[in-house]
Amino acid sequence: MKEFFSEIRGAVVSTLVLGVVCCGLYPLVVFGIAQVAFRDKANGSLIVDANGDVRGSKLIGQGFTAEKYFHPRPSAAGNGYDAANSGGSNLGPTSQKLNDEIKDRVAAYRKENRLSDSEPVPADAVTASGSGLDPQISVHNAELQVARVAKARGLPEQQVRALVNKYTDRPDLGVLGDAGVNVLLLNLALDAGNKS
């Protein structure tokens, strides 16, 4: 019986030690390293304006619908860009509902950007991503929206194109992934009257 309680005591002590190390010390060390070495990323890559107000995150898209803004990729996350309900629509390629939604989005995209009925529409302009929270759109999608945004703001198209170029994230290491335009940063720069 003494041997049995010795085994139980060893198991309890081991569980407590592992609990303290794995659930206490390790998370604190990782948190500390992240706060020192990657403070911005560890805290959500938040965008803070001149007044100190948080305007959003570089990592999470927001819904913009006014003509003077670049429009993001459609979202299937909750009620649109709801980070608490991140996810796709789960509609497959044979879904009639998905096909109808895409047809409606293509027609709306062409109309709002004054494109011809034969003009190809970028896939990211009419389909939601897996997370529903993508902060970026393709460069081609942004280029097709330049004329609309420039006209709505009374700006020269070249000035708006320069901002698109400025807020385009290049592929990692020059080859990994595709270039993408961060819609929130671009729209905030337009609102700020950024001339660069």
C-alpha atoms as a PDB file:
ATOM      1  CA  MET A   1       0.000   0.000   0.000  1.00  0.00           C
ATOM      2  CA  LYS A   2       2.907   2.332   0.777  1.00  0.00           C
ATOM      3  CA  GLU A   3       4.243   1.770  -2.745  1.00  0.00           C
ATOM      4  CA  PHE A   4       0.839   2.626  -4.255  1.00  0.00           C
ATOM      5  CA  PHE A   5       0.657   6.009  -2.443  1.00  0.00           C
ATOM      6  CA  SER A   6       4.247   6.717  -3.456  1.00  0.00           C
ATOM      7  CA  GLU A   7       3.256   6.261  -7.113  1.00  0.00           C
ATOM      8  CA  ILE A   8       0.173   8.475  -6.661  1.00  0.00           C
ATOM      9  CA  ARG A   9       2.268  11.182  -4.982  1.00  0.00           C
ATOM     10  CA  GLY A  10       4.812  11.043  -7.837  1.00  0.00           C
ATOM     11  CA  ALA A  11       2.059  11.370 -10.429  1.00  0.00           C
ATOM     12  CA  VAL A  12       0.440  14.323  -8.615  1.00  0.00           C
ATOM     13  CA  VAL A  13       3.786  16.127  -8.171  1.00  0.00           C
ATOM     14  CA  SER A  14       4.696  15.530 -11.829  1.00  0.00           C
ATOM     15  CA  THR A  15       1.309  16.874 -12.926  1.00  0.00           C
ATOM     16  CA  LEU A  16       1.704  19.984 -10.775  1.00  0.00           C
ATOM     17  CA  VAL A  17       5.261  20.652 -12.004  1.00  0.00           C
ATOM     18  CA  LEU A  18       4.254  20.188 -15.651  1.00  0.00           C
ATOM     19  CA  GLY A  19       1.185  22.372 -15.073  1.00  0.00           C
ATOM     20  CA  VAL A  20       3.295  25.207 -13.665  1.00  0.00           C
ATOM     21  CA  VAL A  21       5.912  24.917 -16.429  1.00  0.00           C
ATOM     22  CA  CYS A  22       3.576  24.376 -19.403  1.00  0.00           C
ATOM     23  CA  CYS A  23       0.628  26.522 -18.301  1.00  0.00           C
ATOM     24  CA  GLY A  24       2.495  29.267 -16.468  1.00  0.00           C
ATOM     25  CA  LEU A  25       6.184  29.712 -17.142  1.00  0.00           C
ATOM     26  CA  TYR A  26       6.296  28.792 -20.835  1.00  0.00           C
ATOM     27  CA  PRO A  27       3.404  31.127 -21.867  1.00  0.00           C
ATOM     28  CA  LEU A  28       4.952  33.961 -19.827  1.00  0.00           C
ATOM     29  CA  VAL A  29       8.346  33.494 -21.500  1.00  0.00           C
ATOM     30  CA  VAL A  30       6.785  33.391 -24.993  1.00  0.00           C
ATOM     31  CA  PHE A  31       4.640  36.447 -24.177  1.00  0.00           C
ATOM     32  CA  GLY A  32       7.681  38.341 -22.877  1.00  0.00           C
ATOM     33  CA  ILE A  33       9.800  37.521 -25.937  1.00  0.00           C
ATOM     34  CA  ALA A  34       6.951  38.524 -28.261  1.00  0.00           C
ATOM     35  CA  GLN A  35       6.446  41.848 -26.450  1.00  0.00           C
ATOM     36  CA  VAL A  36      10.157  42.666 -26.652  1.00  0.00           C
ATOM     37  CA  ALA A  37      10.974  41.389 -30.148  1.00  0.00           C
ATOM     38  CA  PHE A  38       7.658  41.681 -32.055  1.00  0.00           C
ATOM     39  CA  ARG A  39       5.524  44.136 -30.070  1.00  0.00           C
ATOM     40  CA  ASP A  40       3.402  45.392 -32.997  1.00  0.00           C
ATOM     41  CA  LYS A  41       2.659  41.924 -34.368  1.00  0.00           C
ATOM     42  CA  ALA A  42       2.095  40.385 -30.935  1.00  0.00           C
ATOM     43  CA  ASN A  43      -0.538  43.019 -30.177  1.00  0.00           C
ATOM     44  CA  GLY A  44      -2.537  42.498 -33.381  1.00  0.00           C
ATOM     45  CA  SER A  45      -0.801  44.841 -35.857  1.00  0.00           C
ATOM     46  CA  LEU A  46      -3.238  47.586 -34.870  1.00  0.00           C
ATOM     47  CA  ILE A  47      -3.562  50.781 -36.886  1.00  0.00           C
ATOM     48  CA  VAL A  48      -3.722  53.801 -34.575  1.00  0.00           C
ATOM     49  CA  ASP A  49      -4.578  57.277 -35.911  1.00  0.00           C
ATOM     50  CA  ALA A  50      -3.073  60.609 -34.832  1.00  0.00           C
ATOM     51  CA  ASN A  51      -5.667  60.905 -32.031  1.00  0.00           C
ATOM     52  CA  GLY A  52      -4.638  57.539 -30.580  1.00  0.00           C
ATOM     53  CA  ASP A  53      -7.854  55.825 -31.719  1.00  0.00           C
ATOM     54  CA  VAL A  54      -7.584  52.281 -33.053  1.00  0.00           C
ATOM     55  CA  ARG A  55      -8.891  52.223 -36.633  1.00  0.00           C
ATOM     56  CA  GLY A  56      -8.462  48.497 -37.242  1.00  0.00           C
ATOM     57  CA  SER A  57      -5.807  45.868 -37.819  1.00  0.00           C
ATOM     58  CA  LYS A  58      -3.502  45.415 -40.790  1.00  0.00           C
ATOM     59  CA  LEU A  59      -4.450  41.735 -40.654  1.00  0.00           C
ATOM     60  CA  ILE A  60      -8.274  41.942 -40.733  1.00  0.00           C
ATOM     61  CA  GLY A  61     -10.364  43.345 -43.560  1.00  0.00           C
ATOM     62  CA  GLN A  62     -13.191  45.812 -43.088  1.00  0.00           C
ATOM     63  CA  GLY A  63     -16.263  46.440 -45.177  1.00  0.00           C
ATOM     64  CA  PHE A  64     -16.158  49.586 -47.326  1.00  0.00           C
ATOM     65  CA  THR A  65     -19.073  50.282 -49.669  1.00  0.00           C
ATOM     66  CA  ALA A  66     -18.974  54.017 -50.510  1.00  0.00           C
ATOM     67  CA  GLU A  67     -17.807  54.984 -54.007  1.00  0.00           C
ATOM     68  CA  LYS A  68     -14.875  56.983 -52.621  1.00  0.00           C
ATOM     69  CA  TYR A  69     -13.339  53.842 -51.087  1.00  0.00           C
ATOM     70  CA  PHE A  70     -11.632  50.804 -52.515  1.00  0.00           C
ATOM     71  CA  HIS A  71     -13.882  47.847 -51.864  1.00  0.00           C
ATOM     72  CA  PRO A  72     -12.501  44.733 -50.152  1.00  0.00           C
ATOM     73  CA  ARG A  73     -12.991  41.120 -51.005  1.00  0.00           C
ATOM     74  CA  PRO A  74     -16.486  39.839 -50.092  1.00  0.00           C
ATOM     75  CA  SER A  75     -16.776  38.318 -46.634  1.00  0.00           C
ATOM     76  CA  ALA A  76     -18.743  35.316 -45.418  1.00  0.00           C
ATOM     77  CA  ALA A  77     -17.639  35.860 -41.806  1.00  0.00           C
ATOM     78  CA  GLY A  78     -20.715  36.377 -39.669  1.00  0.00           C
ATOM     79  CA  ASN A  79     -22.326  39.677 -40.609  1.00  0.00           C
ATOM     80  CA  GLY A  80     -19.342  40.609 -42.783  1.00  0.00           C
ATOM     81  CA  TYR A  81     -15.784  40.912 -41.454  1.00  0.00           C
ATOM     82  CA  ASP A  82     -16.817  39.589 -38.043  1.00  0.00           C
ATOM     83  CA  ALA A  83     -13.588  38.236 -36.541  1.00  0.00           C
ATOM     84  CA  ALA A  84     -15.555  36.272 -33.947  1.00  0.00           C
ATOM     85  CA  ASN A  85     -17.226  34.309 -36.758  1.00  0.00           C
ATOM     86  CA  SER A  86     -14.324  33.870 -39.145  1.00  0.00           C
ATOM     87  CA  GLY A  87     -14.998  31.362 -41.863  1.00  0.00           C
ATOM     88  CA  GLY A  88     -16.031  30.748 -45.429  1.00  0.00           C
ATOM     89  CA  SER A  89     -19.487  30.163 -46.846  1.00  0.00           C
ATOM     90  CA  ASN A  90     -18.831  26.411 -47.245  1.00  0.00           C
ATOM     91  CA  LEU A  91     -20.634  26.541 -50.593  1.00  0.00           C
ATOM     92  CA  GLY A  92     -19.015  24.262 -53.177  1.00  0.00           C
ATOM     93  CA  PRO A  93     -18.409  24.836 -56.889  1.00  0.00           C
ATOM     94  CA  THR A  94     -21.604  22.974 -57.805  1.00  0.00           C
ATOM     95  CA  SER A  95     -23.749  25.115 -55.480  1.00  0.00           C
ATOM     96  CA  GLN A  96     -26.428  27.054 -57.357  1.00  0.00           C
ATOM     97  CA  LYS A  97     -26.583  29.553 -54.493  1.00  0.00           C
ATOM     98  CA  LEU A  98     -22.852  30.274 -54.866  1.00  0.00           C
ATOM     99  CA  ASN A  99     -23.168  30.580 -58.666  1.00  0.00           C
ATOM    100  CA  ASP A 100     -26.070  33.036 -58.268  1.00  0.00           C
ATOM    101  CA  GLU A 101     -24.141  35.083 -55.684  1.00  0.00           C
ATOM    102  CA  ILE A 102     -21.097  35.284 -57.954  1.00  0.00           C
ATOM    103  CA  LYS A 103     -23.207  36.331 -60.965  1.00  0.00           C
ATOM    104  CA  ASP A 104     -24.804  39.091 -58.875  1.00  0.00           C
ATOM    105  CA  ARG A 105     -21.414  40.235 -57.572  1.00  0.00           C
ATOM    106  CA  VAL A 106     -19.901  40.261 -61.077  1.00  0.00           C
ATOM    107  CA  ALA A 107     -22.776  42.411 -62.369  1.00  0.00           C
ATOM    108  CA  ALA A 108     -22.531  44.789 -59.401  1.00  0.00           C
ATOM    109  CA  TYR A 109     -18.723  45.047 -59.715  1.00  0.00           C
ATOM    110  CA  ARG A 110     -18.933  45.849 -63.428  1.00  0.00           C
ATOM    111  CA  LYS A 111     -21.647  48.461 -62.838  1.00  0.00           C
ATOM    112  CA  GLU A 112     -19.950  50.257 -59.933  1.00  0.00           C
ATOM    113  CA  ASN A 113     -16.586  50.348 -61.730  1.00  0.00           C
ATOM    114  CA  ARG A 114     -18.124  51.194 -65.129  1.00  0.00           C
ATOM    115  CA  LEU A 115     -16.721  48.132 -66.882  1.00  0.00           C
ATOM    116  CA  SER A 116     -18.070  46.606 -70.064  1.00  0.00           C
ATOM    117  CA  ASP A 117     -20.098  43.385 -69.959  1.00  0.00           C
ATOM    118  CA  SER A 118     -17.167  41.510 -71.490  1.00  0.00           C
ATOM    119  CA  GLU A 119     -14.501  42.846 -69.093  1.00  0.00           C
ATOM    120  CA  PRO A 120     -13.080  40.007 -66.948  1.00  0.00           C
ATOM    121  CA  VAL A 121     -13.606  40.495 -63.214  1.00  0.00           C
ATOM    122  CA  PRO A 122     -10.894  39.362 -60.765  1.00  0.00           C
ATOM    123  CA  ALA A 123     -11.894  36.306 -58.734  1.00  0.00           C
ATOM    124  CA  ASP A 124     -11.056  38.029 -55.447  1.00  0.00           C
ATOM    125  CA  ALA A 125     -13.635  40.744 -56.249  1.00  0.00           C
ATOM    126  CA  VAL A 126     -16.532  38.289 -56.277  1.00  0.00           C
ATOM    127  CA  THR A 127     -15.559  35.361 -54.027  1.00  0.00           C
ATOM    128  CA  ALA A 128     -15.017  35.279 -50.281  1.00  0.00           C
ATOM    129  CA  SER A 129     -11.851  33.821 -48.822  1.00  0.00           C
ATOM    130  CA  GLY A 130     -11.662  30.857 -46.460  1.00  0.00           C
ATOM    131  CA  SER A 131     -11.417  33.142 -43.424  1.00  0.00           C
ATOM    132  CA  GLY A 132     -13.705  35.881 -44.701  1.00  0.00           C
ATOM    133  CA  LEU A 133     -11.297  38.410 -43.188  1.00  0.00           C
ATOM    134  CA  ASP A 134      -8.688  38.995 -45.899  1.00  0.00           C
ATOM    135  CA  PRO A 135      -7.268  42.525 -45.584  1.00  0.00           C
ATOM    136  CA  GLN A 136      -5.888  42.527 -49.120  1.00  0.00           C
ATOM    137  CA  ILE A 137      -7.163  42.526 -52.668  1.00  0.00           C
ATOM    138  CA  SER A 138      -5.216  41.703 -55.813  1.00  0.00           C
ATOM    139  CA  VAL A 139      -3.362  44.484 -57.607  1.00  0.00           C
ATOM    140  CA  HIS A 140      -5.587  43.930 -60.663  1.00  0.00           C
ATOM    141  CA  ASN A 141      -8.718  44.339 -58.516  1.00  0.00           C
ATOM    142  CA  ALA A 142      -7.348  47.608 -57.111  1.00  0.00           C
ATOM    143  CA  GLU A 143      -6.394  48.879 -60.576  1.00  0.00           C
ATOM    144  CA  LEU A 144      -9.957  48.333 -61.829  1.00  0.00           C
ATOM    145  CA  GLN A 145     -11.280  50.435 -58.930  1.00  0.00           C
ATOM    146  CA  VAL A 146      -8.864  53.377 -59.398  1.00  0.00           C
ATOM    147  CA  ALA A 147     -11.042  55.329 -61.863  1.00  0.00           C
ATOM    148  CA  ARG A 148     -14.138  55.093 -59.630  1.00  0.00           C
ATOM    149  CA  VAL A 149     -12.298  56.172 -56.484  1.00  0.00           C
ATOM    150  CA  ALA A 150     -10.442  59.001 -58.245  1.00  0.00           C
ATOM    151  CA  LYS A 151     -13.672  60.361 -59.736  1.00  0.00           C
ATOM    152  CA  ALA A 152     -15.566  60.135 -56.417  1.00  0.00           C
ATOM    153  CA  ARG A 153     -12.777  62.009 -54.617  1.00  0.00           C
ATOM    154  CA  GLY A 154     -12.003  64.469 -57.391  1.00  0.00           C
ATOM    155  CA  LEU A 155      -8.390  63.295 -57.570  1.00  0.00           C
ATOM    156  CA  PRO A 156      -6.169  62.567 -60.581  1.00  0.00           C
ATOM    157  CA  GLU A 157      -6.002  58.836 -61.350  1.00  0.00           C
ATOM    158  CA  GLN A 158      -2.195  58.943 -61.244  1.00  0.00           C
ATOM    159  CA  GLN A 159      -2.286  60.121 -57.632  1.00  0.00           C
ATOM    160  CA  VAL A 160      -4.625  57.289 -56.647  1.00  0.00           C
ATOM    161  CA  ARG A 161      -2.462  54.780 -58.569  1.00  0.00           C
ATOM    162  CA  ALA A 162       0.597  56.015 -56.664  1.00  0.00           C
ATOM    163  CA  LEU A 163      -1.196  55.281 -53.381  1.00  0.00           C
ATOM    164  CA  VAL A 164      -2.198  51.824 -54.630  1.00  0.00           C
ATOM    165  CA  ASN A 165       1.460  51.170 -55.407  1.00  0.00           C
ATOM    166  CA  LYS A 166       2.547  52.485 -52.003  1.00  0.00           C
ATOM    167  CA  TYR A 167       0.157  50.165 -50.131  1.00  0.00           C
ATOM    168  CA  THR A 168       0.902  47.092 -52.226  1.00  0.00           C
ATOM    169  CA  ASP A 169       2.599  44.344 -50.221  1.00  0.00           C
ATOM    170  CA  ARG A 170       5.160  42.555 -52.372  1.00  0.00           C
ATOM    171  CA  PRO A 171       5.676  38.769 -52.248  1.00  0.00           C
ATOM    172  CA  ASP A 172       7.808  37.553 -49.327  1.00  0.00           C
ATOM    173  CA  LEU A 173      11.455  37.186 -50.354  1.00  0.00           C
ATOM    174  CA  GLY A 174      10.351  38.454 -53.763  1.00  0.00           C
ATOM    175  CA  VAL A 175       8.850  35.111 -54.814  1.00  0.00           C
ATOM    176  CA  LEU A 176       6.608  33.689 -52.067  1.00  0.00           C
ATOM    177  CA  GLY A 177       2.945  34.497 -52.623  1.00  0.00           C
ATOM    178  CA  ASP A 178       1.321  37.197 -54.716  1.00  0.00           C
ATOM    179  CA  ALA A 179       1.385  40.957 -54.366  1.00  0.00           C
ATOM    180  CA  GLY A 180      -1.680  42.335 -52.606  1.00  0.00           C
ATOM    181  CA  VAL A 181      -3.086  45.760 -51.732  1.00  0.00           C
ATOM    182  CA  ASN A 182      -4.045  46.391 -48.097  1.00  0.00           C
ATOM    183  CA  VAL A 183      -7.493  47.982 -48.472  1.00  0.00           C
ATOM    184  CA  LEU A 184      -7.748  49.470 -44.971  1.00  0.00           C
ATOM    185  CA  LEU A 185      -4.340  51.173 -45.128  1.00  0.00           C
ATOM    186  CA  LEU A 186      -5.081  52.474 -48.632  1.00  0.00           C
ATOM    187  CA  ASN A 187      -8.492  53.879 -47.668  1.00  0.00           C
ATOM    188  CA  LEU A 188      -7.120  55.495 -44.507  1.00  0.00           C
ATOM    189  CA  ALA A 189      -4.363  57.133 -46.593  1.00  0.00           C
ATOM    190  CA  LEU A 190      -6.996  58.464 -48.991  1.00  0.00           C
ATOM    191  CA  ASP A 191      -9.015  59.860 -46.085  1.00  0.00           C
ATOM    192  CA  ALA A 192      -5.908  61.494 -44.645  1.00  0.00           C
ATOM    193  CA  GLY A 193      -5.308  63.254 -47.969  1.00  0.00           C
ATOM    194  CA  ASN A 194      -1.982  61.473 -48.402  1.00  0.00           C
ATOM    195  CA  LYS A 195      -0.379  62.928 -51.523  1.00  0.00           C
ATOM    196  CA  SER A 196       2.560  60.540 -51.742  1.00  0.00           C
END
